[in-house]
């Protein structure tokens, strides 16, 4: 069974969609921790989180950035990019545009059309084309110390509240990894 699938007895009957989404994210995290109980590095642990984010939100891409106390990206993992796309990214996105606002005010961001959004700028050269974006802050030690975001939900559907709930749960786990193993 993949993280996207849940057995009928594993869902909470009559639960609001966001709670059900949080429950699915927690189940997926529990499965991940069973399958990979002790990743060797914090980057490996964060990679698992990015992979889960992409899978659970049915997104084309996911990324998790870790920032220093000056909001500079010091760690970056992606999910869904090809080797050629990764090679094309010489530097990870910095705190500009939508990610800058997310890191600046600590509130989730959801953009339905990046091409038309005035805040969508600052992507590095040769960055893959994306249409939609949803991201949540990663709070560690009472500061925004990164972001977890997904882009381009399959089927061109917009990201929804349930997707945000999933990312929020995964961001809490990423924060713990950052607090305990990064700094």
Protein backbone atom coordinates (compact mmCIF):
# COMPACT_ATOMS: atom_id res chain seq x y z
CA UNK A 1 0.00 0.00 0.00
CA UNK A 2 1.40 3.43 -0.93
CA UNK A 3 1.09 6.55 1.19
CA UNK A 4 -1.73 7.74 -1.10
CA UNK A 5 -3.80 4.69 -0.36
CA UNK A 6 -5.47 4.04 2.96
CA UNK A 7 -7.49 1.04 3.90
CA UNK A 8 -11.14 1.85 4.65
CA UNK A 9 -10.65 1.13 8.35
CA UNK A 10 -7.75 3.64 8.47
CA UNK A 11 -9.85 6.72 7.72
CA UNK A 12 -11.86 8.53 10.33
CA UNK A 13 -15.55 8.22 9.38
CA UNK A 14 -17.30 11.57 9.10
CA UNK A 15 -14.09 13.51 9.78
CA UNK A 16 -13.67 16.90 8.10
CA UNK A 17 -11.46 16.73 5.01
CA UNK A 18 -8.54 18.64 6.60
CA UNK A 19 -8.50 16.30 9.60
CA UNK A 20 -8.65 13.31 7.27
CA UNK A 21 -5.75 14.81 5.29
CA UNK A 22 -3.72 15.31 8.48
CA UNK A 23 -4.49 11.72 9.47
CA UNK A 24 -3.30 10.45 6.06
CA UNK A 25 -0.11 12.51 6.42
CA UNK A 26 0.54 11.10 9.89
CA UNK A 27 -0.03 7.55 8.63
CA UNK A 28 2.38 8.17 5.75
CA UNK A 29 4.98 9.59 8.15
CA UNK A 30 4.59 6.58 10.44
CA UNK A 31 5.09 4.25 7.47
CA UNK A 32 8.12 6.24 6.34
CA UNK A 33 9.64 6.01 9.82
CA UNK A 34 9.06 2.26 9.84
CA UNK A 35 10.64 1.88 6.39
CA UNK A 36 13.53 4.30 7.03
CA UNK A 37 13.98 4.39 10.83
CA UNK A 38 17.33 6.20 10.90
CA UNK A 39 18.34 8.16 7.84
CA UNK A 40 22.10 8.67 7.82
CA UNK A 41 21.95 12.43 7.25
CA UNK A 42 19.43 15.21 7.83
CA UNK A 43 19.35 15.76 4.06
CA UNK A 44 18.24 12.14 3.59
CA UNK A 45 15.51 12.59 6.22
CA UNK A 46 14.31 15.80 4.54
CA UNK A 47 14.36 14.07 1.15
CA UNK A 48 11.83 11.57 2.46
CA UNK A 49 9.62 14.46 3.58
CA UNK A 50 9.79 16.11 0.14
CA UNK A 51 8.96 12.80 -1.54
CA UNK A 52 5.95 12.33 0.74
CA UNK A 53 4.77 15.89 0.09
CA UNK A 54 4.81 15.29 -3.66
CA UNK A 55 3.10 11.94 -3.38
CA UNK A 56 0.38 12.91 -0.90
CA UNK A 57 -0.59 16.13 -2.71
CA UNK A 58 -0.34 14.51 -6.16
CA UNK A 59 2.08 17.23 -7.26
CA UNK A 60 4.56 17.19 -10.10
CA UNK A 61 7.35 18.68 -7.99
CA UNK A 62 8.12 19.22 -4.31
CA UNK A 63 10.97 21.00 -2.61
CA UNK A 64 12.13 21.66 0.91
CA UNK A 65 14.48 24.53 1.67
CA UNK A 66 16.38 25.07 4.92
CA UNK A 67 17.45 28.64 5.62
CA UNK A 68 19.98 30.17 7.96
CA UNK A 69 19.33 32.98 10.45
CA UNK A 70 19.75 35.52 7.60
CA UNK A 71 17.16 33.74 5.41
CA UNK A 72 19.77 32.38 2.98
CA UNK A 73 19.10 28.91 1.60
CA UNK A 74 21.64 26.49 3.06
CA UNK A 75 19.90 23.21 2.36
CA UNK A 76 17.63 22.24 -0.51
CA UNK A 77 16.05 18.94 -1.55
CA UNK A 78 13.68 18.32 -4.42
CA UNK A 79 11.34 15.59 -5.53
CA UNK A 80 10.13 14.94 -9.06
CA UNK A 81 12.90 16.69 -11.00
CA UNK A 82 14.79 14.76 -13.67
CA UNK A 83 18.59 14.62 -13.57
CA UNK A 84 18.75 17.16 -16.40
CA UNK A 85 16.42 19.53 -14.56
CA UNK A 86 18.49 19.18 -11.40
CA UNK A 87 21.70 19.85 -13.36
CA UNK A 88 20.10 22.99 -14.76
CA UNK A 89 19.51 24.37 -11.26
CA UNK A 90 22.91 25.78 -10.44
CA UNK A 91 21.57 27.46 -7.31
CA UNK A 92 18.43 26.79 -5.29
CA UNK A 93 15.70 29.42 -5.22
CA UNK A 94 16.46 32.15 -2.68
CA UNK A 95 14.07 34.20 -0.55
CA UNK A 96 12.46 36.07 -3.42
CA UNK A 97 8.93 36.10 -4.76
CA UNK A 98 6.40 33.69 -3.30
CA UNK A 99 8.97 31.91 -1.13
CA UNK A 100 10.16 35.22 0.25
CA UNK A 101 6.66 36.14 1.39
CA UNK A 102 6.18 32.70 2.90
CA UNK A 103 9.41 32.97 4.84
CA UNK A 104 8.83 36.62 5.69
CA UNK A 105 5.38 36.41 7.26
CA UNK A 106 5.31 32.71 8.17
CA UNK A 107 1.97 32.12 6.46
CA UNK A 108 1.17 29.51 3.82
CA UNK A 109 1.07 30.65 0.22
CA UNK A 110 -1.07 29.33 -2.60
CA UNK A 111 -0.76 30.60 -6.17
CA UNK A 112 -3.04 29.33 -8.91
CA UNK A 113 -1.14 30.87 -11.84
CA UNK A 114 2.55 31.69 -11.40
CA UNK A 115 2.75 33.28 -14.85
CA UNK A 116 0.24 35.96 -13.84
CA UNK A 117 1.19 36.44 -10.21
CA UNK A 118 3.14 39.67 -9.57
CA UNK A 119 5.04 38.02 -6.70
CA UNK A 120 6.30 35.13 -8.84
CA UNK A 121 9.87 36.13 -9.59
CA UNK A 122 13.38 35.24 -8.51
CA UNK A 123 13.49 31.73 -9.90
CA UNK A 124 17.01 30.71 -10.93
CA UNK A 125 17.90 30.35 -14.62
CA UNK A 126 16.75 27.06 -16.20
CA UNK A 127 14.23 26.53 -13.41
CA UNK A 128 11.44 24.17 -14.59
CA UNK A 129 8.24 25.86 -15.76
CA UNK A 130 5.48 25.68 -13.17
CA UNK A 131 1.90 26.90 -13.12
CA UNK A 132 0.63 26.41 -9.57
CA UNK A 133 2.41 26.55 -6.24
CA UNK A 134 1.51 25.91 -2.64
CA UNK A 135 3.95 26.23 0.23
CA UNK A 136 4.08 26.27 4.00
CA UNK A 137 6.75 27.61 6.33
CA UNK A 138 8.99 25.31 8.32
CA UNK A 139 9.23 26.68 11.86
CA UNK A 140 12.25 25.56 13.87
CA UNK A 141 13.27 27.06 17.20
CA UNK A 142 10.42 29.60 16.96
CA UNK A 143 11.70 31.00 13.64
CA UNK A 144 10.85 30.33 10.02
CA UNK A 145 13.87 28.27 9.02
CA UNK A 146 12.67 27.01 5.68
CA UNK A 147 9.80 26.16 3.43
CA UNK A 148 8.09 23.09 2.05
CA UNK A 149 6.29 23.56 -1.21
CA UNK A 150 4.70 21.66 -4.06
CA UNK A 151 3.91 22.68 -7.62
CA UNK A 152 1.64 21.61 -10.44
CA UNK A 153 -0.97 19.22 -9.08
CA UNK A 154 -1.60 16.47 -11.63
CA UNK A 155 -4.71 16.96 -13.71
CA UNK A 156 -4.27 20.76 -13.52
CA UNK A 157 -6.42 20.82 -10.40
CA UNK A 158 -5.80 23.61 -7.89
CA UNK A 159 -4.24 22.84 -4.53
CA UNK A 160 -6.84 22.69 -1.78
CA UNK A 161 -7.13 23.04 1.99
CA UNK A 162 -6.48 19.30 2.37
CA UNK A 163 -3.17 19.68 0.55
CA UNK A 164 -2.21 22.53 2.87
CA UNK A 165 -3.09 20.38 5.89
CA UNK A 166 -0.85 17.60 4.58
CA UNK A 167 2.05 19.99 4.00
CA UNK A 168 1.60 21.50 7.46
CA UNK A 169 1.94 18.09 9.12
CA UNK A 170 5.00 17.26 7.03
CA UNK A 171 6.53 20.68 7.79
CA UNK A 172 6.26 19.92 11.51
CA UNK A 173 8.25 16.74 10.97
CA UNK A 174 10.81 18.61 8.85
CA UNK A 175 11.14 21.20 11.64
CA UNK A 176 11.97 18.47 14.10
CA UNK A 177 14.63 17.07 11.78
CA UNK A 178 16.08 20.56 11.35
CA UNK A 179 16.08 21.31 15.07
CA UNK A 180 17.56 17.98 16.11
CA UNK A 181 19.92 17.17 13.26
CA UNK A 182 20.67 20.28 11.21
CA UNK A 183 21.65 22.96 13.73
